[in-house]
Amino acid sequence: MPAALIQRKNPYDQSALVTREKIQEHITNQNPKSHMLEDPKDKQENLLNSKRPTRVFTETNHTQGEAPALRRNPGSPTIQLIEKQQGTKILFRKFSETNWSVDILPLNKSLVTDSKWKRIDAIQEKRRSFLREFCKKYGGVSRPQSHVFHMVSRIYVEDKHKILYCEVPKAGCSNWKRILMVLNGLAPSADNISHDAVHYGKHLKKLDSFDLKGIYSRLNTYTKAVFVRDPMERLVSAFRDKFEHPNSYYHPVFGKAIIKKYRPNACEEALNNGSGVKFKEFIHYLLDSHRPVGMDIHWEKVSKLCYPCLIHYDFVGKFETLEEDANYFLQLIGAPKELKFPNFKDRHSSDKRTNAQVVGQYLKDLTRTERQLIYDFYYLDYLMFNYTTPFL
């Protein structure tokens, strides 16, 4: 394959090319004003007491998809993939003067004594190498364009074992937070920590709560981990969780706006409570360049949550092999031997887990164009983490 480009199979434009320059632009020009809506229980910090510069995130429109009609523009579908950077490119002067150097660290395997981990270790090294080579080939950046505090805002800190964990919702993050609470000495076991304690208890520190010196020292000395998931599965899992069960936040905030814009002749009850959003309506919202409500971390791309070509993660786990990856990671960082990664579902335990079969049931209601546009939207995540292109 030529170094300068990647040829993609595309039923709509056989001449479509994703150039190295376009991928570089997408990796480096991440928008620091992404509107990350979260549950209202996630209270805002007291900015008056903050020891770091105040940062304000405002809603911006994304350009990965098209308006509800979902017509494809002539020319390269890369237009749907690449987001034009909006707003300021000027970073804080202090950040601008700092040498951005966050290298990948060799994993310390001195604490791993059981030979059963050899296979997992070999897979892990391949993942690290693949991501590193991808970023080396297409990243081409020594200084990022996004604000440093925004870039590390999804990273949790565990100082005792020197861990940085980037949260990717719908990829095992609830149980990972339970593990971090146990490692922090906040709970004796991960099994009895409630969902609300995990997500709204404010027990865990995030990297953006430190000053620049604290951020850089941890980025360069702690073991950095990210756990990812097949993008289609993660998307369907998020939809099922937030829209197919009662939810006092996502229904009124997202549901009402989605139904109002994408459901012709919607009944008054649906418009008032936002319940009953259909997957096709949700996809129209996701792909709309003029969304009626901003993006959310549960379906945002990993490339914009964790910046894996700017923050070089030492450990890349996958939801598809979550339990064995997580337990190997716990061995690497010297966690107590009795601590094992939980394998229970955090919520809606009676529901079948979202897998390829379940995803297929949801995708069958979409047109081929809509399925292609979803893939275009998450294309960088597919590429970075070596996921198989879905059958469209």
Protein backbone atom coordinates (compact mmCIF):
# COMPACT_ATOMS: atom_id res chain seq x y z
CA MET A 1 0.00 0.00 0.00
CA PRO A 2 1.49 3.40 -0.92
CA ALA A 3 2.55 5.41 2.10
CA ALA A 4 0.73 8.55 1.03
CA LEU A 5 -2.80 7.21 0.91
CA ILE A 6 -5.27 4.54 1.89
CA GLN A 7 -7.69 3.16 -0.68
CA ARG A 8 -11.12 2.46 0.81
CA LYS A 9 -13.84 0.32 -0.62
CA ASN A 10 -16.84 2.54 -1.02
CA PRO A 11 -20.02 1.64 -2.91
CA TYR A 12 -20.76 5.28 -3.56
CA ASP A 13 -17.46 6.65 -4.81
CA GLN A 14 -14.97 4.15 -6.13
CA SER A 15 -12.37 6.87 -6.55
CA ALA A 16 -12.47 7.91 -2.90
CA LEU A 17 -9.08 8.28 -1.27
CA VAL A 18 -8.20 9.09 2.31
CA THR A 19 -4.92 10.95 2.12
CA ARG A 20 -2.23 11.07 4.74
CA GLU A 21 -2.70 14.84 4.95
CA LYS A 22 -6.41 14.46 5.71
CA ILE A 23 -5.79 11.92 8.45
CA GLN A 24 -3.08 14.15 9.92
CA GLU A 25 -5.49 17.08 9.89
CA HIS A 26 -8.12 15.06 11.70
CA ILE A 27 -5.67 13.75 14.32
CA THR A 28 -4.01 17.08 15.11
CA ASN A 29 -6.81 19.61 14.68
CA GLN A 30 -9.16 18.26 17.32
CA ASN A 31 -11.75 20.81 18.36
CA PRO A 32 -11.22 22.04 21.92
CA LYS A 33 -14.83 23.25 22.12
CA SER A 34 -16.61 19.93 21.84
CA HIS A 35 -19.92 20.06 23.67
CA MET A 36 -19.71 17.06 26.01
CA LEU A 37 -23.12 16.76 27.65
CA GLU A 38 -23.23 14.58 30.72
CA ASP A 39 -25.71 13.64 33.39
CA PRO A 40 -26.79 16.65 35.51
CA LYS A 41 -25.58 14.83 38.62
CA ASP A 42 -22.09 15.42 37.30
CA LYS A 43 -21.86 18.84 38.95
CA GLN A 44 -19.60 21.54 37.64
CA GLU A 45 -16.42 22.31 39.55
CA ASN A 46 -16.15 25.53 41.51
CA LEU A 47 -14.19 27.67 39.08
CA LEU A 48 -13.47 30.25 41.77
CA ASN A 49 -11.43 27.67 43.67
CA SER A 50 -9.77 26.17 40.62
CA LYS A 51 -5.98 26.20 40.63
CA ARG A 52 -5.82 26.06 36.87
CA PRO A 53 -6.98 28.40 34.12
CA THR A 54 -10.72 28.47 33.54
CA ARG A 55 -11.89 26.79 30.37
CA VAL A 56 -15.32 27.05 28.83
CA PHE A 57 -16.73 24.50 26.40
CA THR A 58 -19.43 25.63 24.03
CA GLU A 59 -21.54 23.76 21.55
CA THR A 60 -20.16 23.43 18.06
CA ASN A 61 -21.55 21.80 14.96
CA HIS A 62 -19.79 18.77 13.53
CA THR A 63 -19.45 18.05 9.86
CA GLN A 64 -19.03 14.28 9.72
CA GLY A 65 -22.51 13.69 8.39
CA GLU A 66 -25.17 15.46 6.44
CA ALA A 67 -28.59 16.84 7.21
CA PRO A 68 -31.58 14.50 7.73
CA ALA A 69 -31.99 13.79 4.02
CA LEU A 70 -28.57 12.09 4.20
CA ARG A 71 -27.68 12.95 0.63
CA ARG A 72 -24.02 12.34 -0.18
CA ASN A 73 -22.06 15.22 -1.57
CA PRO A 74 -20.23 14.63 -4.82
CA GLY A 75 -16.54 14.01 -4.36
CA SER A 76 -14.67 12.25 -1.62
CA PRO A 77 -16.61 10.91 1.36
CA THR A 78 -13.67 12.11 3.40
CA ILE A 79 -15.74 15.29 3.71
CA GLN A 80 -17.93 13.39 6.14
CA LEU A 81 -14.88 12.09 8.00
CA ILE A 82 -12.79 15.21 8.47
CA GLU A 83 -14.02 17.91 10.83
CA LYS A 84 -12.95 21.44 10.18
CA GLN A 85 -11.35 22.96 13.19
CA GLN A 86 -13.49 25.69 14.64
CA GLY A 87 -12.71 28.43 17.12
CA THR A 88 -9.38 29.42 18.48
CA LYS A 89 -6.10 27.61 17.79
CA ILE A 90 -4.22 29.66 20.36
CA LEU A 91 -3.20 27.65 23.42
CA PHE A 92 -2.24 29.06 26.77
CA ARG A 93 1.18 30.70 26.56
CA LYS A 94 2.46 28.39 29.28
CA PHE A 95 1.41 25.34 27.27
CA SER A 96 2.85 26.78 24.07
CA GLU A 97 6.25 27.11 25.70
CA THR A 98 6.18 23.54 26.99
CA ASN A 99 7.77 20.77 24.99
CA TRP A 100 4.98 18.31 24.20
CA SER A 101 6.62 14.95 24.76
CA VAL A 102 4.47 12.08 25.98
CA ASP A 103 6.31 8.94 24.97
CA ILE A 104 5.13 5.36 25.12
CA LEU A 105 6.74 3.53 28.02
CA PRO A 106 8.00 -0.05 27.92
CA LEU A 107 5.72 -2.19 30.07
CA ASN A 108 7.32 -3.29 33.31
CA LYS A 109 6.76 -7.04 33.28
CA SER A 110 8.83 -7.82 36.36
CA LEU A 111 5.70 -8.39 38.43
CA VAL A 112 4.21 -10.88 35.94
CA THR A 113 5.35 -14.34 37.01
CA ASP A 114 2.71 -16.64 35.55
CA SER A 115 3.45 -17.99 32.07
CA LYS A 116 -0.27 -18.02 31.22
CA TRP A 117 0.00 -14.32 30.35
CA LYS A 118 2.44 -14.85 27.47
CA ARG A 119 -0.32 -15.01 24.84
CA ILE A 120 -2.04 -11.89 26.20
CA ASP A 121 1.31 -10.10 26.32
CA ALA A 122 2.04 -10.94 22.68
CA ILE A 123 -1.35 -9.56 21.62
CA GLN A 124 -0.77 -6.44 23.69
CA GLU A 125 2.60 -5.78 22.09
CA LYS A 126 1.04 -6.10 18.63
CA ARG A 127 -1.68 -3.58 19.54
CA ARG A 128 0.84 -1.12 20.95
CA SER A 129 3.04 -1.48 17.91
CA PHE A 130 0.13 -1.11 15.48
CA LEU A 131 -1.13 2.10 17.10
CA ARG A 132 2.39 3.51 17.42
CA GLU A 133 3.17 2.84 13.75
CA PHE A 134 -0.16 4.27 12.64
CA CYS A 135 0.43 7.47 14.58
CA LYS A 136 4.02 7.71 13.38
CA LYS A 137 2.88 7.32 9.79
CA TYR A 138 -0.18 9.56 9.84
CA GLY A 139 0.18 11.73 12.95
CA GLY A 140 3.05 13.89 11.79
CA VAL A 141 2.73 16.35 14.68
CA SER A 142 5.02 17.53 17.43
CA ARG A 143 2.60 19.98 19.02
CA PRO A 144 -1.19 19.51 19.27
CA GLN A 145 -3.74 22.16 18.40
CA SER A 146 -6.22 21.26 21.15
CA HIS A 147 -6.14 22.65 24.65
CA VAL A 148 -4.10 20.43 26.99
CA PHE A 149 -6.72 20.50 29.76
CA HIS A 150 -9.38 19.40 27.32
CA MET A 151 -7.16 16.64 25.97
CA VAL A 152 -6.73 15.05 29.41
CA SER A 153 -10.25 15.71 30.71
CA ARG A 154 -11.34 12.06 30.34
CA ILE A 155 -8.26 10.61 32.05
CA TYR A 156 -8.54 9.28 35.61
CA VAL A 157 -5.57 9.24 37.97
CA GLU A 158 -4.54 6.59 40.51
CA ASP A 159 -1.38 7.85 42.17
CA LYS A 160 -0.55 4.86 44.38
CA HIS A 161 0.04 2.50 41.45
CA LYS A 162 0.84 5.33 39.03
CA ILE A 163 -2.00 4.68 36.58
CA LEU A 164 -3.71 6.94 34.05
CA TYR A 165 -6.93 5.47 32.63
CA CYS A 166 -8.75 7.18 29.77
CA GLU A 167 -12.48 6.64 30.10
CA VAL A 168 -14.28 5.38 26.99
CA PRO A 169 -17.98 4.99 27.85
CA LYS A 170 -19.61 1.68 26.87
CA ALA A 171 -16.23 -0.06 26.89
CA GLY A 172 -16.16 -1.30 30.48
CA CYS A 173 -15.57 2.10 32.09
CA SER A 174 -17.93 1.57 35.07
CA ASN A 175 -16.07 -1.52 36.24
CA TRP A 176 -12.74 0.17 35.58
CA LYS A 177 -13.76 3.00 37.89
CA ARG A 178 -14.64 0.40 40.52
CA ILE A 179 -11.16 -1.06 40.16
CA LEU A 180 -9.58 2.39 40.52
CA MET A 181 -11.61 3.01 43.68
CA VAL A 182 -10.31 -0.25 45.18
CA LEU A 183 -6.72 0.57 44.19
CA ASN A 184 -7.17 4.00 45.79
CA GLY A 185 -8.25 2.37 49.05
CA LEU A 186 -11.77 3.78 48.77
CA ALA A 187 -13.47 0.37 48.84
CA PRO A 188 -12.42 -3.15 49.88
CA SER A 189 -14.02 -4.81 46.86
CA ALA A 190 -15.29 -3.82 43.42
CA ASP A 191 -18.35 -6.03 43.73
CA ASN A 192 -20.40 -3.87 46.08
CA ILE A 193 -19.84 -0.39 44.63
CA SER A 194 -23.08 1.04 43.25
CA HIS A 195 -23.52 2.65 39.85
CA ASP A 196 -24.20 6.05 41.44
CA ALA A 197 -21.11 5.82 43.64
CA VAL A 198 -19.02 5.06 40.57
CA HIS A 199 -20.31 7.85 38.35
CA TYR A 200 -21.51 10.58 40.71
CA GLY A 201 -19.51 10.06 43.90
CA LYS A 202 -16.57 12.29 42.88
CA HIS A 203 -14.17 9.88 44.56
CA LEU A 204 -11.68 9.69 41.69
CA LYS A 205 -9.33 12.40 40.46
CA LYS A 206 -9.07 13.42 36.83
CA LEU A 207 -5.85 14.56 35.22
CA ASP A 208 -7.25 17.97 34.30
CA SER A 209 -7.61 18.78 38.02
CA PHE A 210 -3.83 19.16 38.27
CA ASP A 211 -1.70 22.07 37.13
CA LEU A 212 0.43 21.76 33.99
CA LYS A 213 3.44 20.49 35.88
CA GLY A 214 1.34 17.78 37.53
CA ILE A 215 -0.20 16.82 34.20
CA TYR A 216 3.09 16.50 32.33
CA SER A 217 4.92 14.67 35.10
CA ARG A 218 2.16 12.04 35.27
CA LEU A 219 1.83 11.71 31.51
CA ASN A 220 5.53 11.00 31.23
CA THR A 221 5.96 8.65 34.20
CA TYR A 222 2.63 6.85 34.83
CA THR A 223 1.33 3.81 32.95
CA LYS A 224 -1.32 5.09 30.54
CA ALA A 225 -4.17 2.74 29.59
CA VAL A 226 -7.12 2.97 27.21
CA PHE A 227 -9.80 0.35 26.59
CA VAL A 228 -11.72 0.54 23.33
CA ARG A 229 -14.59 -1.27 21.60
CA ASP A 230 -15.83 -1.98 18.10
CA PRO A 231 -17.42 1.38 17.14
CA MET A 232 -20.71 -0.06 15.85
CA GLU A 233 -21.18 -2.18 18.97
CA ARG A 234 -20.35 0.76 21.21
CA LEU A 235 -22.83 2.98 19.37
CA VAL A 236 -25.69 0.46 19.59
CA SER A 237 -24.87 -0.22 23.24
CA ALA A 238 -25.11 3.49 24.02
CA PHE A 239 -28.44 3.80 22.22
CA ARG A 240 -29.93 0.81 24.05
CA ASP A 241 -28.74 2.10 27.42
CA LYS A 242 -29.86 5.70 27.05
CA PHE A 243 -33.00 5.46 24.94
CA GLU A 244 -34.58 2.03 25.50
CA HIS A 245 -34.83 2.39 29.26
CA PRO A 246 -36.33 5.17 31.42
CA ASN A 247 -33.82 7.98 31.75
CA SER A 248 -34.49 11.32 33.41
CA TYR A 249 -31.68 13.05 31.52
CA TYR A 250 -31.26 11.61 28.03
CA HIS A 251 -34.96 11.49 27.20
CA PRO A 252 -35.77 15.15 27.95
CA VAL A 253 -32.43 16.55 26.76
CA PHE A 254 -31.70 14.40 23.69
CA GLY A 255 -34.93 12.52 23.07
CA LYS A 256 -37.20 15.54 22.80
CA ALA A 257 -34.83 17.35 20.42
CA ILE A 258 -34.35 14.24 18.25
CA ILE A 259 -38.07 13.49 17.97
CA LYS A 260 -38.92 17.12 17.24
CA LYS A 261 -36.47 17.35 14.33
CA TYR A 262 -36.52 13.86 12.82
CA ARG A 263 -40.03 12.49 13.38
CA PRO A 264 -42.72 13.91 11.10
CA ASN A 265 -46.10 14.39 12.78
CA ALA A 266 -44.80 13.35 16.20
CA CYS A 267 -47.51 13.04 18.85
CA GLU A 268 -47.67 15.53 21.68
CA GLU A 269 -46.72 12.95 24.31
CA ALA A 270 -43.47 12.03 22.51
CA LEU A 271 -42.60 15.69 22.04
CA ASN A 272 -43.19 16.37 25.72
CA ASN A 273 -41.28 13.48 27.29
CA GLY A 274 -38.74 12.50 24.62
CA SER A 275 -39.29 8.78 25.15
CA GLY A 276 -39.37 6.19 22.39
CA VAL A 277 -36.57 7.49 20.14
CA LYS A 278 -36.04 5.07 17.27
CA PHE A 279 -32.55 3.96 16.25
CA LYS A 280 -32.97 5.43 12.77
CA GLU A 281 -33.89 8.81 14.29
CA PHE A 282 -30.86 8.61 16.56
CA ILE A 283 -28.62 7.95 13.55
CA HIS A 284 -30.10 10.93 11.71
CA TYR A 285 -29.15 13.06 14.72
CA LEU A 286 -25.62 11.58 14.84
CA LEU A 287 -24.94 12.28 11.16
CA ASP A 288 -26.57 15.70 11.05
CA SER A 289 -24.12 18.58 10.56
CA HIS A 290 -26.68 20.80 12.34
CA ARG A 291 -27.60 18.66 15.34
CA PRO A 292 -30.36 20.09 17.52
CA VAL A 293 -28.33 19.12 20.61
CA GLY A 294 -24.58 18.62 21.00
CA MET A 295 -22.47 15.46 21.11
CA ASP A 296 -22.19 13.20 24.13
CA ILE A 297 -19.26 11.18 25.46
CA HIS A 298 -21.20 7.91 25.18
CA TRP A 299 -21.09 8.03 21.37
CA GLU A 300 -18.19 10.42 20.77
CA LYS A 301 -15.23 8.96 18.90
CA VAL A 302 -12.33 7.54 20.92
CA SER A 303 -9.98 9.68 18.84
CA LYS A 304 -11.66 12.75 20.36
CA LEU A 305 -12.01 11.39 23.88
CA CYS A 306 -8.48 10.08 24.46
CA TYR A 307 -6.28 11.57 21.69
CA PRO A 308 -4.32 8.33 21.15
CA CYS A 309 -1.88 9.85 18.65
CA LEU A 310 -0.97 12.70 20.95
CA ILE A 311 -1.03 10.82 24.24
CA HIS A 312 0.80 7.57 23.59
CA TYR A 313 -0.93 4.89 25.62
CA ASP A 314 1.22 2.16 27.12
CA PHE A 315 -1.63 -0.36 27.27
CA VAL A 316 -4.42 -0.81 24.71
CA GLY A 317 -7.20 -3.07 25.94
CA LYS A 318 -10.29 -4.11 24.03
CA PHE A 319 -13.81 -4.73 25.25
CA GLU A 320 -13.92 -7.90 23.17
CA THR A 321 -11.21 -9.40 25.44
CA LEU A 322 -11.94 -7.15 28.42
CA GLU A 323 -11.59 -9.54 31.33
CA GLU A 324 -8.28 -11.10 30.32
CA ASP A 325 -6.81 -7.78 29.18
CA ALA A 326 -7.83 -6.06 32.40
CA ASN A 327 -6.51 -8.81 34.67
CA TYR A 328 -3.20 -8.82 32.78
CA PHE A 329 -2.97 -5.05 33.25
CA LEU A 330 -3.60 -5.47 37.00
CA GLN A 331 -0.66 -7.90 37.08
CA LEU A 332 1.55 -5.40 35.30
CA ILE A 333 0.89 -2.58 37.76
CA GLY A 334 1.29 -4.75 40.87
CA ALA A 335 -2.31 -4.75 42.04
CA PRO A 336 -3.25 -7.01 44.97
CA LYS A 337 -3.42 -10.62 43.78
CA GLU A 338 -6.97 -11.05 45.05
CA LEU A 339 -8.23 -8.11 42.95
CA LYS A 340 -9.93 -9.33 39.77
CA PHE A 341 -11.77 -7.35 37.14
CA PRO A 342 -15.57 -7.60 37.62
CA ASN A 343 -17.48 -9.34 34.85
CA PHE A 344 -21.01 -8.22 35.72
CA LYS A 345 -23.14 -5.77 33.75
CA ASP A 346 -23.40 -2.43 35.47
CA ARG A 347 -27.05 -1.82 34.57
CA HIS A 348 -29.95 -3.54 32.80
CA SER A 349 -28.47 -6.90 33.73
CA SER A 350 -31.39 -8.82 32.20
CA ASP A 351 -30.68 -7.38 28.74
CA LYS A 352 -28.57 -9.37 26.33
CA ARG A 353 -25.12 -7.86 25.92
CA THR A 354 -24.65 -5.87 22.75
CA ASN A 355 -22.71 -8.06 20.32
CA ALA A 356 -22.38 -8.40 16.56
CA GLN A 357 -25.68 -10.27 16.32
CA VAL A 358 -27.55 -7.59 18.24
CA VAL A 359 -25.91 -4.85 16.15
CA GLY A 360 -27.09 -6.59 12.99
CA GLN A 361 -30.70 -6.34 14.17
CA TYR A 362 -30.38 -2.58 14.51
CA LEU A 363 -28.48 -1.99 11.29
CA LYS A 364 -31.03 -3.84 9.17
CA ASP A 365 -33.46 -0.93 9.61
CA LEU A 366 -30.97 1.50 8.06
CA THR A 367 -30.27 2.15 4.41
CA ARG A 368 -26.92 1.20 2.92
CA THR A 369 -26.04 4.88 2.70
CA GLU A 370 -26.77 5.42 6.39
CA ARG A 371 -24.64 2.44 7.37
CA GLN A 372 -21.78 3.73 5.22
CA LEU A 373 -22.01 7.16 6.80
CA ILE A 374 -21.82 5.68 10.30
CA TYR A 375 -18.65 3.89 9.26
CA ASP A 376 -17.29 7.14 7.81
CA PHE A 377 -18.07 8.88 11.10
CA TYR A 378 -16.06 6.33 13.14
CA TYR A 379 -13.51 5.59 10.43
CA LEU A 380 -10.52 6.83 12.39
CA ASP A 381 -11.41 4.63 15.38
CA TYR A 382 -11.68 1.61 13.09
CA LEU A 383 -8.29 2.41 11.58
CA MET A 384 -6.38 3.29 14.77
CA PHE A 385 -7.41 0.21 16.68
CA ASN A 386 -7.37 -2.24 13.79
CA TYR A 387 -11.04 -3.17 13.87
CA THR A 388 -12.49 -5.11 10.98
CA THR A 389 -14.54 -3.08 8.54
CA PRO A 390 -18.21 -3.95 9.18
CA PHE A 391 -20.37 -5.54 6.54
CA LEU A 392 -22.36 -2.62 5.13
